[in-house]
Amino acid sequence: MELPAKVLVYNQLLNLNATVGTLMAIRPEGFYELRLTSQGKLHTVLAPVASTAIVFADPEPEVLPEDLIER
């Protein structure tokens, strides 16, 4: 996983539901460091890992099942 990365953020406490943002770092103190836009301005947000779901915006590349790969 390379950072920074475009993500969708879900956090009930902050009322974030599929909010587009940028994951900058995962802090050892138990927080995601995110950059989110609010009221037209960019803000740094520290969201607790325990109550935040992060979904990477870019889908994973499709991988062929091993039995379909020619050897």
C-alpha atoms as a PDB file:
ATOM      1  CA  MET A   1       0.000   0.000   0.000  1.00  0.00           C
ATOM      2  CA  GLU A   2       1.470   3.283  -1.090  1.00  0.00           C
ATOM      3  CA  LEU A   3       0.655   6.517   0.664  1.00  0.00           C
ATOM      4  CA  PRO A   4      -0.761   9.031   0.048  1.00  0.00           C
ATOM      5  CA  ALA A   5      -3.788   7.194  -1.365  1.00  0.00           C
ATOM      6  CA  LYS A   6      -7.272   8.261  -2.442  1.00  0.00           C
ATOM      7  CA  VAL A   7      -9.840   6.688  -0.097  1.00  0.00           C
ATOM      8  CA  LEU A   8     -13.493   6.633   0.885  1.00  0.00           C
ATOM      9  CA  VAL A   9     -13.942   7.284   4.605  1.00  0.00           C
ATOM     10  CA  TYR A  10     -16.723   5.994   6.863  1.00  0.00           C
ATOM     11  CA  ASN A  11     -16.949   7.301  10.432  1.00  0.00           C
ATOM     12  CA  GLN A  12     -20.226   7.667  12.339  1.00  0.00           C
ATOM     13  CA  LEU A  13     -18.819  10.040  14.979  1.00  0.00           C
ATOM     14  CA  LEU A  14     -17.648  12.491  12.299  1.00  0.00           C
ATOM     15  CA  ASN A  15     -20.738  11.854  10.127  1.00  0.00           C
ATOM     16  CA  LEU A  16     -18.605  10.652   7.206  1.00  0.00           C
ATOM     17  CA  ASN A  17     -20.323   8.279   4.791  1.00  0.00           C
ATOM     18  CA  ALA A  18     -18.214   7.425   1.722  1.00  0.00           C
ATOM     19  CA  THR A  19     -16.467  10.790   1.996  1.00  0.00           C
ATOM     20  CA  VAL A  20     -13.671  11.150  -0.544  1.00  0.00           C
ATOM     21  CA  GLY A  21     -10.307  11.960   0.980  1.00  0.00           C
ATOM     22  CA  THR A  22      -6.605  11.247   0.941  1.00  0.00           C
ATOM     23  CA  LEU A  23      -4.982   8.881   3.440  1.00  0.00           C
ATOM     24  CA  MET A  24      -1.643  10.441   4.320  1.00  0.00           C
ATOM     25  CA  ALA A  25      -0.448   8.145   7.131  1.00  0.00           C
ATOM     26  CA  ILE A  26      -1.448   5.584   9.711  1.00  0.00           C
ATOM     27  CA  ARG A  27      -0.200   6.951  13.006  1.00  0.00           C
ATOM     28  CA  PRO A  28       1.205   4.566  15.649  1.00  0.00           C
ATOM     29  CA  GLU A  29      -0.997   6.362  18.219  1.00  0.00           C
ATOM     30  CA  GLY A  30      -4.050   4.703  16.601  1.00  0.00           C
ATOM     31  CA  PHE A  31      -5.194   7.360  14.125  1.00  0.00           C
ATOM     32  CA  TYR A  32      -5.549   7.681  10.380  1.00  0.00           C
ATOM     33  CA  GLU A  33      -4.151  10.993   9.142  1.00  0.00           C
ATOM     34  CA  LEU A  34      -6.559  12.099   6.420  1.00  0.00           C
ATOM     35  CA  ARG A  35      -6.953  15.137   4.197  1.00  0.00           C
ATOM     36  CA  LEU A  36     -10.633  15.951   3.716  1.00  0.00           C
ATOM     37  CA  THR A  37     -12.433  18.847   2.084  1.00  0.00           C
ATOM     38  CA  SER A  38     -14.976  20.668   4.240  1.00  0.00           C
ATOM     39  CA  GLN A  39     -16.746  23.891   3.288  1.00  0.00           C
ATOM     40  CA  GLY A  40     -14.510  24.172   0.229  1.00  0.00           C
ATOM     41  CA  LYS A  41     -11.249  24.024   2.178  1.00  0.00           C
ATOM     42  CA  LEU A  42      -8.754  21.211   2.752  1.00  0.00           C
ATOM     43  CA  HIS A  43      -8.365  20.042   6.359  1.00  0.00           C
ATOM     44  CA  THR A  44      -6.164  17.501   8.114  1.00  0.00           C
ATOM     45  CA  VAL A  45      -8.251  15.072  10.162  1.00  0.00           C
ATOM     46  CA  LEU A  46      -7.027  12.501  12.686  1.00  0.00           C
ATOM     47  CA  ALA A  47      -9.668   9.760  12.711  1.00  0.00           C
ATOM     48  CA  PRO A  48      -9.450   6.907  15.247  1.00  0.00           C
ATOM     49  CA  VAL A  49      -8.674   3.554  13.635  1.00  0.00           C
ATOM     50  CA  ALA A  50     -11.113   1.774  15.978  1.00  0.00           C
ATOM     51  CA  SER A  51     -14.177   3.633  14.647  1.00  0.00           C
ATOM     52  CA  THR A  52     -13.175   4.435  11.060  1.00  0.00           C
ATOM     53  CA  ALA A  53     -13.470   2.320   7.923  1.00  0.00           C
ATOM     54  CA  ILE A  54     -11.223   3.107   4.976  1.00  0.00           C
ATOM     55  CA  VAL A  55     -11.872   1.872   1.431  1.00  0.00           C
ATOM     56  CA  PHE A  56      -9.220   2.505  -1.198  1.00  0.00           C
ATOM     57  CA  ALA A  57     -10.776   4.327  -4.168  1.00  0.00           C
ATOM     58  CA  ASP A  58      -8.677   2.542  -6.792  1.00  0.00           C
ATOM     59  CA  PRO A  59      -9.838  -1.047  -7.321  1.00  0.00           C
ATOM     60  CA  GLU A  60      -7.402  -3.916  -7.054  1.00  0.00           C
ATOM     61  CA  PRO A  61      -6.183  -5.301 -10.394  1.00  0.00           C
ATOM     62  CA  GLU A  62      -7.909  -8.490 -11.453  1.00  0.00           C
ATOM     63  CA  VAL A  63      -5.797 -11.590 -10.962  1.00  0.00           C
ATOM     64  CA  LEU A  64      -6.378 -14.743 -12.969  1.00  0.00           C
ATOM     65  CA  PRO A  65      -7.050 -17.874 -10.946  1.00  0.00           C
ATOM     66  CA  GLU A  66      -3.945 -20.033 -10.765  1.00  0.00           C
ATOM     67  CA  ASP A  67      -5.516 -22.872 -12.757  1.00  0.00           C
ATOM     68  CA  LEU A  68      -6.017 -20.542 -15.771  1.00  0.00           C
ATOM     69  CA  ILE A  69      -2.370 -19.440 -15.952  1.00  0.00           C
ATOM     70  CA  GLU A  70      -0.332 -21.240 -18.609  1.00  0.00           C
ATOM     71  CA  ARG A  71       2.944 -22.689 -17.398  1.00  0.00           C
END
